[in-house]
Protein backbone atom coordinates (compact mmCIF):
# COMPACT_ATOMS: atom_id res chain seq x y z
CA MET A 1 -31.43 39.44 -56.46
CA ALA A 2 -32.76 36.75 -53.85
CA TYR A 3 -31.76 38.87 -51.06
CA GLU A 4 -29.50 41.30 -48.97
CA GLU A 5 -28.23 41.55 -45.45
CA ARG A 6 -26.34 43.74 -43.26
CA ASP A 7 -23.47 41.75 -41.49
CA ALA A 8 -22.48 43.03 -37.79
CA SER A 9 -19.60 44.25 -39.39
CA ASP A 10 -20.91 46.65 -41.72
CA TYR A 11 -20.80 44.97 -44.60
CA HIS A 12 -23.72 43.85 -46.98
CA ILE A 13 -24.11 40.70 -48.12
CA GLY A 14 -25.91 39.79 -51.39
CA VAL A 15 -27.03 36.52 -52.96
CA HIS A 16 -27.22 36.99 -57.04
CA ALA A 17 -29.32 34.16 -58.91
CA ARG A 18 -27.39 35.13 -62.09
CA PRO A 19 -23.75 36.43 -62.51
CA ASP A 20 -24.90 39.61 -64.36
CA GLU A 21 -26.39 40.78 -61.31
CA LEU A 22 -22.69 41.94 -60.48
CA ASP A 23 -21.00 44.66 -61.90
CA ALA A 24 -18.22 42.98 -64.21
CA ALA A 25 -15.70 45.94 -63.86
CA ALA A 26 -15.77 45.85 -59.80
CA TRP A 27 -15.65 41.88 -60.15
CA ASP A 28 -12.90 41.73 -61.81
CA ALA A 29 -10.95 44.49 -60.80
CA LEU A 30 -11.08 42.18 -57.53
CA LEU A 31 -9.66 39.22 -59.18
CA ALA A 32 -7.11 41.04 -60.32
CA GLN A 33 -6.14 41.80 -56.52
CA GLN A 34 -5.69 38.15 -55.68
CA ALA A 35 -3.09 35.57 -55.25
CA GLN A 36 -3.56 33.45 -58.53
CA PRO A 37 -6.25 35.05 -60.72
CA THR A 38 -7.03 33.16 -63.83
CA PRO A 39 -9.18 33.63 -66.90
CA PHE A 40 -11.29 31.14 -65.49
CA MET A 41 -13.31 33.33 -62.94
CA ARG A 42 -13.20 36.43 -64.95
CA HIS A 43 -16.62 37.53 -65.21
CA ALA A 44 -17.39 37.43 -68.97
CA TYR A 45 -15.92 33.50 -68.59
CA LEU A 46 -18.91 32.98 -65.73
CA GLN A 47 -21.18 34.78 -67.56
CA ALA A 48 -20.98 33.02 -70.88
CA LEU A 49 -21.44 29.44 -69.13
CA VAL A 50 -24.49 30.74 -67.37
CA ALA A 51 -25.73 32.92 -70.69
CA SER A 52 -25.24 30.17 -73.44
CA GLY A 53 -27.41 27.61 -71.31
CA SER A 54 -23.87 25.19 -70.57
CA ALA A 55 -24.13 26.04 -66.50
CA THR A 56 -27.92 26.67 -65.24
CA ALA A 57 -30.28 25.24 -63.13
CA ASP A 58 -31.41 22.77 -65.84
CA THR A 59 -27.84 21.54 -66.68
CA GLY A 60 -27.37 20.73 -62.60
CA TRP A 61 -25.75 24.14 -62.20
CA ALA A 62 -27.88 26.67 -60.77
CA PRO A 63 -26.13 30.19 -60.02
CA VAL A 64 -25.67 31.36 -56.34
CA PHE A 65 -23.34 34.14 -56.73
CA PHE A 66 -22.38 36.24 -53.71
CA SER A 67 -21.55 39.52 -52.92
CA LEU A 68 -20.18 41.95 -49.75
CA ARG A 69 -20.56 45.56 -49.93
CA ARG A 70 -19.12 48.06 -47.55
CA ALA A 71 -20.06 51.88 -48.14
CA GLY A 72 -21.84 50.72 -51.42
CA ARG A 73 -18.54 49.08 -52.97
CA LEU A 74 -17.46 45.70 -53.86
CA VAL A 75 -15.25 44.20 -51.55
CA GLY A 76 -15.88 40.51 -52.03
CA ALA A 77 -17.45 38.12 -54.58
CA THR A 78 -17.47 34.59 -55.07
CA ALA A 79 -19.14 31.91 -57.63
CA ALA A 80 -21.03 29.24 -56.27
CA TRP A 81 -23.62 27.12 -57.42
CA LEU A 82 -26.44 25.07 -56.04
CA LYS A 83 -25.53 21.38 -57.83
CA SER A 84 -28.07 18.42 -57.88
CA HIS A 85 -25.16 16.22 -59.08
CA SER A 86 -21.68 15.77 -58.74
CA TYR A 87 -20.45 15.83 -62.60
CA GLY A 88 -18.65 18.18 -63.94
CA GLU A 89 -16.31 18.63 -60.73
CA TYR A 90 -12.91 16.55 -60.91
CA VAL A 91 -13.01 15.92 -57.21
CA PHE A 92 -15.24 12.86 -56.49
CA ASP A 93 -17.62 12.71 -54.03
CA TRP A 94 -19.84 10.38 -55.27
CA ALA A 95 -19.31 7.69 -52.28
CA TRP A 96 -19.93 10.53 -49.66
CA ALA A 97 -23.64 11.06 -51.86
CA ASP A 98 -23.98 7.13 -51.89
CA ALA A 99 -23.44 6.94 -47.87
CA TYR A 100 -25.93 9.77 -47.36
CA ALA A 101 -28.90 7.71 -49.89
CA ARG A 102 -28.33 4.31 -47.85
CA HIS A 103 -29.14 6.49 -44.84
CA GLY A 104 -32.20 7.64 -46.54
CA LEU A 105 -30.50 11.33 -46.69
CA ASP A 106 -30.50 13.83 -48.93
CA TYR A 107 -26.75 14.83 -50.04
CA TYR A 108 -28.44 16.55 -53.08
CA PRO A 109 -28.65 19.94 -53.91
CA LYS A 110 -25.15 20.85 -52.18
CA LEU A 111 -23.69 24.26 -52.38
CA LEU A 112 -19.93 24.48 -54.62
CA ASP A 113 -18.07 26.96 -54.35
CA ALA A 114 -15.71 26.39 -58.28
CA VAL A 115 -16.10 27.18 -61.70
CA PRO A 116 -17.68 24.83 -63.62
CA PHE A 117 -16.14 21.72 -65.77
CA THR A 118 -12.65 23.59 -64.80
CA PRO A 119 -10.12 21.69 -62.24
CA VAL A 120 -7.53 24.84 -62.57
CA PRO A 121 -6.12 25.60 -59.09
CA GLY A 122 -6.83 29.58 -57.97
CA SER A 123 -8.43 32.31 -56.01
CA ARG A 124 -12.13 31.47 -55.45
CA LEU A 125 -12.84 34.23 -53.13
CA LEU A 126 -12.34 37.30 -54.62
CA ALA A 127 -11.83 39.95 -51.27
CA GLU A 128 -9.97 42.91 -50.62
CA ASP A 129 -8.71 41.61 -47.31
CA ASP A 130 -8.57 38.15 -45.06
CA ALA A 131 -11.47 39.64 -42.79
CA ALA A 132 -13.83 39.75 -46.14
CA ARG A 133 -12.35 36.24 -47.03
CA ARG A 134 -13.14 34.45 -44.07
CA LEU A 135 -17.27 36.53 -44.34
CA LEU A 136 -17.38 34.95 -47.48
CA LEU A 137 -16.53 31.64 -46.19
CA ARG A 138 -19.30 32.16 -43.29
CA THR A 139 -21.63 33.21 -45.99
CA LEU A 140 -21.13 29.96 -47.68
CA ARG A 141 -21.60 27.60 -44.60
CA GLN A 142 -24.67 30.13 -43.30
CA TRP A 143 -26.66 29.66 -46.36
CA ALA A 144 -25.99 26.39 -46.97
CA VAL A 145 -27.72 26.07 -43.16
CA GLN A 146 -30.67 28.41 -43.73
CA THR A 147 -31.83 27.26 -47.15
CA GLU A 148 -31.26 23.35 -45.58
CA LEU A 149 -28.36 21.98 -47.91
CA SER A 150 -26.58 18.33 -47.05
CA SER A 151 -22.60 20.94 -47.36
CA ALA A 152 -21.01 23.85 -49.11
CA HIS A 153 -17.54 22.88 -50.75
CA LEU A 154 -14.79 25.00 -52.34
CA LEU A 155 -12.86 23.26 -54.99
CA PHE A 156 -9.16 23.98 -56.20
CA LEU A 157 -8.54 26.72 -54.43
CA ASP A 158 -5.32 28.86 -53.94
CA GLU A 159 -2.60 28.11 -50.47
CA ASP A 160 -3.92 31.14 -48.50
CA GLU A 161 -7.71 30.26 -49.21
CA GLN A 162 -7.00 26.94 -47.93
CA ALA A 163 -5.73 27.97 -44.72
CA LEU A 164 -8.67 30.46 -44.00
CA ALA A 165 -10.85 27.45 -44.45
CA GLN A 166 -9.56 25.44 -42.35
CA GLU A 167 -9.57 27.83 -39.88
CA GLU A 168 -13.26 28.34 -40.73
CA GLY A 169 -14.29 24.86 -40.03
CA TYR A 170 -13.48 23.55 -43.43
CA MET A 171 -11.97 20.00 -43.90
CA LEU A 172 -9.40 20.24 -46.38
CA ARG A 173 -9.04 17.16 -49.30
CA GLN A 174 -5.99 17.18 -50.94
CA GLY A 175 -5.62 16.37 -54.91
CA VAL A 176 -2.65 16.01 -57.41
CA GLN A 177 -2.18 17.77 -60.65
CA PHE A 178 0.92 17.43 -63.37
CA HIS A 179 2.28 21.02 -63.93
CA TRP A 180 5.50 21.86 -66.19
CA HIS A 181 7.64 25.15 -65.12
CA THR A 182 10.45 25.92 -66.73
CA ARG A 183 13.86 26.57 -65.31
CA PRO A 184 13.51 29.68 -62.49
CA ASP A 185 17.18 30.28 -63.15
CA THR A 186 17.61 29.98 -67.41
CA PRO A 187 14.69 29.60 -68.87
CA TYR A 188 14.67 26.88 -71.65
CA ALA A 189 16.04 28.22 -75.30
CA ASP A 190 13.99 25.67 -77.11
CA PHE A 191 11.59 22.50 -76.92
CA ALA A 192 15.25 20.55 -77.68
CA GLU A 193 16.89 22.05 -74.67
CA PHE A 194 14.19 21.03 -72.59
CA LEU A 195 14.20 17.69 -74.47
CA ALA A 196 18.18 17.45 -73.26
CA THR A 197 17.25 17.74 -69.65
CA LEU A 198 15.21 14.51 -69.75
CA GLN A 199 16.26 11.23 -68.47
CA ARG A 200 17.47 8.92 -72.00
CA GLU A 201 14.75 6.83 -71.76
CA LYS A 202 11.88 9.47 -71.28
CA ARG A 203 13.81 11.60 -74.79
CA LYS A 204 13.88 8.91 -76.68
CA LYS A 205 10.31 7.62 -76.51
CA ILE A 206 8.95 11.95 -76.66
CA GLN A 207 11.56 11.47 -80.37
CA GLN A 208 10.05 8.82 -81.39
CA GLU A 209 6.57 9.80 -80.66
CA ARG A 210 7.19 12.94 -82.30
CA ARG A 211 8.63 11.10 -85.63
CA LYS A 212 5.71 9.13 -85.58
CA VAL A 213 3.25 12.41 -86.14
CA GLU A 214 5.75 13.70 -88.85
CA ALA A 215 5.72 10.74 -90.78
CA SER A 216 2.02 10.47 -91.06
CA GLY A 217 2.69 14.16 -92.69
CA VAL A 218 0.65 16.15 -90.12
CA GLN A 219 1.35 19.44 -90.14
CA PHE A 220 0.58 21.86 -87.09
CA ARG A 221 -0.82 25.68 -87.58
CA VAL A 222 -1.21 27.82 -84.44
CA ARG A 223 -3.99 30.48 -83.69
CA GLU A 224 -4.06 32.83 -80.82
CA GLY A 225 -6.51 34.88 -80.08
CA THR A 226 -8.53 37.15 -83.01
CA GLN A 227 -6.57 35.07 -85.38
CA ILE A 228 -8.87 31.87 -84.80
CA SER A 229 -11.52 31.62 -87.25
CA GLU A 230 -15.14 31.36 -86.87
CA ALA A 231 -14.41 28.15 -89.06
CA ASP A 232 -11.90 27.00 -86.75
CA TRP A 233 -14.08 27.69 -84.07
CA ASP A 234 -16.55 25.22 -85.40
CA PHE A 235 -14.28 22.80 -86.35
CA PHE A 236 -12.66 22.76 -82.56
CA HIS A 237 -16.35 22.23 -81.31
CA HIS A 238 -16.71 19.50 -83.56
CA CYS A 239 -13.84 17.88 -82.53
CA TYR A 240 -14.47 18.48 -79.17
CA ARG A 241 -18.12 16.75 -79.31
CA LEU A 242 -16.18 13.65 -81.01
CA THR A 243 -13.96 13.60 -78.05
CA TYR A 244 -17.30 12.97 -75.54
CA GLN A 245 -19.07 10.53 -78.22
CA ALA A 246 -16.16 8.62 -77.86
CA HIS A 247 -16.55 7.91 -73.81
CA ARG A 248 -20.27 7.75 -74.40
CA SER A 249 -20.83 11.12 -72.87
CA THR A 250 -22.23 14.35 -73.14
CA PRO A 251 -20.36 17.62 -74.15
CA TYR A 252 -20.66 20.15 -71.04
CA LEU A 253 -20.26 23.59 -72.76
CA SER A 254 -22.74 24.64 -75.68
CA ARG A 255 -21.10 26.21 -79.21
CA ASP A 256 -22.73 29.44 -78.03
CA PHE A 257 -20.36 29.40 -74.63
CA PHE A 258 -17.05 29.47 -77.30
CA THR A 259 -18.34 31.77 -79.45
CA ARG A 260 -18.76 34.19 -76.55
CA MET A 261 -15.39 33.42 -75.75
CA ALA A 262 -14.35 34.32 -79.14
CA HIS A 263 -16.16 37.76 -78.85
CA GLU A 264 -15.62 38.62 -74.67
CA LEU A 265 -12.36 36.93 -74.29
CA PRO A 266 -10.54 36.38 -77.11
CA ALA A 267 -6.67 37.10 -75.74
CA HIS A 268 -7.09 34.14 -73.66
CA TRP A 269 -7.29 31.54 -76.29
CA LEU A 270 -4.45 29.46 -78.30
CA MET A 271 -5.73 26.72 -80.82
CA PHE A 272 -3.29 24.08 -82.26
CA ILE A 273 -4.84 22.82 -85.11
CA ALA A 274 -3.53 19.54 -86.86
CA GLU A 275 -3.46 19.19 -90.88
CA ARG A 276 -2.87 16.44 -93.19
CA GLY A 277 -2.68 17.57 -97.15
CA GLY A 278 -4.36 21.02 -96.00
CA VAL A 279 -7.14 19.42 -94.25
CA PRO A 280 -7.81 19.75 -90.43
CA VAL A 281 -7.74 16.20 -88.66
CA ALA A 282 -7.65 17.30 -85.11
CA VAL A 283 -7.24 20.21 -82.70
CA SER A 284 -6.08 21.18 -79.49
CA LEU A 285 -7.31 24.19 -77.04
CA LEU A 286 -5.40 26.10 -74.60
CA ALA A 287 -6.31 28.92 -71.93
CA ILE A 288 -3.48 31.45 -72.13
CA ASP A 289 -2.97 34.52 -69.37
CA ARG A 290 -0.07 36.00 -71.15
CA ALA A 291 0.38 38.68 -68.21
CA ARG A 292 1.56 35.83 -65.88
CA GLY A 293 3.29 33.37 -68.51
CA VAL A 294 0.42 30.54 -67.74
CA ALA A 295 -0.72 28.06 -69.88
CA TRP A 296 -3.91 25.76 -69.21
CA GLY A 297 -4.91 22.35 -71.56
CA ARG A 298 -8.36 22.33 -71.82
CA TYR A 299 -10.10 20.48 -74.63
CA TRP A 300 -8.50 18.09 -77.74
CA GLY A 301 -10.78 16.17 -80.37
CA ALA A 302 -9.55 14.57 -83.50
CA THR A 303 -11.87 13.55 -86.56
CA GLU A 304 -9.45 10.07 -87.25
CA ALA A 305 -6.90 8.36 -85.19
CA ILE A 306 -3.53 8.96 -86.19
CA ASP A 307 -0.74 7.29 -83.90
CA CYS A 308 0.68 9.85 -80.99
CA LEU A 309 -1.08 12.70 -82.51
CA HIS A 310 -2.64 13.25 -78.72
CA PHE A 311 0.62 13.97 -77.18
CA GLU A 312 1.81 16.13 -79.96
CA ALA A 313 -0.93 18.05 -79.92
CA CYS A 314 -1.75 18.62 -76.11
CA TYR A 315 1.60 18.45 -74.72
CA TYR A 316 4.51 18.99 -77.50
CA GLN A 317 3.24 21.82 -79.35
CA PRO A 318 2.36 23.47 -76.49
CA LEU A 319 5.32 23.05 -74.31
CA ALA A 320 7.65 24.31 -77.26
CA TRP A 321 5.00 27.30 -77.78
CA CYS A 322 5.13 27.64 -73.78
CA ILE A 323 9.28 28.07 -74.17
CA ALA A 324 8.96 30.42 -77.17
CA GLN A 325 7.02 32.15 -75.77
CA GLY A 326 8.55 32.33 -72.20
CA PHE A 327 5.81 31.14 -70.64
CA GLN A 328 6.38 29.99 -66.72
CA ARG A 329 3.97 27.54 -66.25
CA PHE A 330 1.93 24.85 -68.42
CA GLU A 331 -1.09 23.22 -66.67
CA GLY A 332 -1.46 19.78 -67.93
CA GLY A 333 -5.55 19.62 -66.74
CA ALA A 334 -6.64 17.24 -64.24
CA GLN A 335 -5.24 13.18 -63.39
CA GLY A 336 -2.93 11.86 -65.68
CA GLU A 337 0.57 10.23 -64.57
CA HIS A 338 1.76 9.49 -68.32
CA LYS A 339 2.05 13.34 -68.25
CA MET A 340 5.35 13.06 -66.15
CA ALA A 341 7.30 11.08 -68.51
CA ARG A 342 6.44 14.14 -70.98
CA GLY A 343 7.91 16.89 -68.05
CA LEU A 344 4.85 17.72 -66.17
CA LEU A 345 5.67 17.04 -62.67
CA PRO A 346 3.25 16.46 -59.98
CA VAL A 347 1.88 19.22 -57.66
CA ARG A 348 -0.97 19.21 -54.95
CA THR A 349 -4.48 20.46 -55.29
CA ALA A 350 -6.73 20.82 -52.57
CA SER A 351 -10.53 21.13 -52.04
CA ALA A 352 -12.61 22.44 -48.29
CA HIS A 353 -15.42 20.71 -48.01
CA TRP A 354 -18.28 21.49 -44.59
CA LEU A 355 -21.15 18.89 -43.85
CA ALA A 356 -23.99 19.84 -41.92
CA HIS A 357 -25.11 16.08 -40.24
CA PRO A 358 -22.21 15.68 -37.29
CA GLU A 359 -21.88 11.86 -37.77
CA PHE A 360 -21.37 12.01 -41.46
CA SER A 361 -18.81 15.40 -40.60
CA ARG A 362 -16.53 13.09 -38.58
CA ALA A 363 -17.02 10.15 -40.66
CA VAL A 364 -15.67 12.72 -43.48
CA GLU A 365 -12.92 13.95 -41.32
CA ASP A 366 -11.80 10.64 -40.58
CA PHE A 367 -11.80 9.46 -44.34
CA LEU A 368 -9.99 12.52 -45.60
CA ALA A 369 -7.45 12.10 -42.86
CA ARG A 370 -6.86 8.45 -43.98
CA GLU A 371 -6.49 9.66 -47.83
CA GLY A 372 -4.53 12.51 -47.13
CA ALA A 373 -1.84 9.91 -45.76
CA GLY A 374 -1.96 8.10 -48.65
CA MET A 375 -2.03 10.90 -51.20
CA ASP A 376 1.51 11.25 -49.21
CA GLY A 377 2.88 8.69 -49.90
CA TYR A 378 1.40 8.45 -53.54
CA LEU A 379 3.43 12.14 -54.15
CA ASP A 380 6.34 10.45 -52.19
CA GLU A 381 6.02 7.39 -55.08
CA LEU A 382 5.78 10.19 -58.03
CA ARG A 383 8.96 12.66 -56.84
CA GLU A 384 10.93 9.25 -56.72
CA ARG A 385 9.84 8.87 -60.81
CA ASN A 386 11.49 12.07 -61.38
CA PRO A 387 11.77 12.18 -65.25
CA PHE A 388 14.59 14.52 -65.21
CA LYS A 389 18.34 14.00 -65.43
CA GLY A 390 20.04 13.98 -62.00
CA ALA A 391 17.07 14.43 -59.88
CA SER A 392 16.65 13.76 -56.75
CA PRO A 393 13.12 14.07 -55.13
CA ALA A 394 11.42 16.98 -54.24
């Protein structure tokens, strides 16, 4: 533990260099109380990122976890990182860093409250009440000041946290993702019924893409949780690396990270393995939360190029599975307007930002106001392209 101090309201504020300095059961109990918990904020997930070497000081993600205790009991906690770059965040602030550099100022290191490499909206400030959440927000900012950092950022906050962050002096930045939701009144009986609700041209294109994959001789093997074998994980990681190599990049997550996930959080993983002639040729990996009926598209890769296989593995197979399992929501990940044609609709996301330098803070505030107005217009445009029959802009 870096240090612990007593807040005026009788909280003990702790700063921790590793997640395993915090009790896993107490952390997860707090997470379960939040408005939008996800598996990515589970203690085991965060610990695996660090222990596997995926998110460490060497990779530009030095852990700085904060805790609040009252009467010896954990009542608040959050996962933050000292960042020496802006990779793996999916909220792009490279222009801000460039502006600092042009003025001879250091933007890095910065303080980032987020789940590394994971653009999934959800609760970030684990706390028993709003008073503790506010204190976490103030602690992040104060720690940034004390350690002479340029800024503090929180990514993909839930709606309640967004409002609190703004009240505590953070600037909000809007983003957009594409999510699928089942019908609230009468859930789809199967994928065919879902398909029938789409506009004719969208429906026909999906049917054509699926026929191409079927004609190629590809079949899918679906594995969940402990059904996923070590050989399946090995094949997945091979494909995962190939995806990054194709983009001339380096994978963020090590094989050891996925080994830890298979052992420590198996119930949260779902794998679609594409095979041709009994030989695996591609795979997509989803994270799932059965208790809440939510699935998240995470990673994909293939050993050979097969027309339309990406769409089948990453959208149609997962959507069919979600409908069959009675899931409420499927989140398709960051960016991608092409997802709309497949029934995933635009959803706002938000991040919160505080900059220590007054002039840069005012400049970013002005930029965010203009960017926010543009985002409103962009969302209006997207809603006009609603792919469902008889839909009117939301």
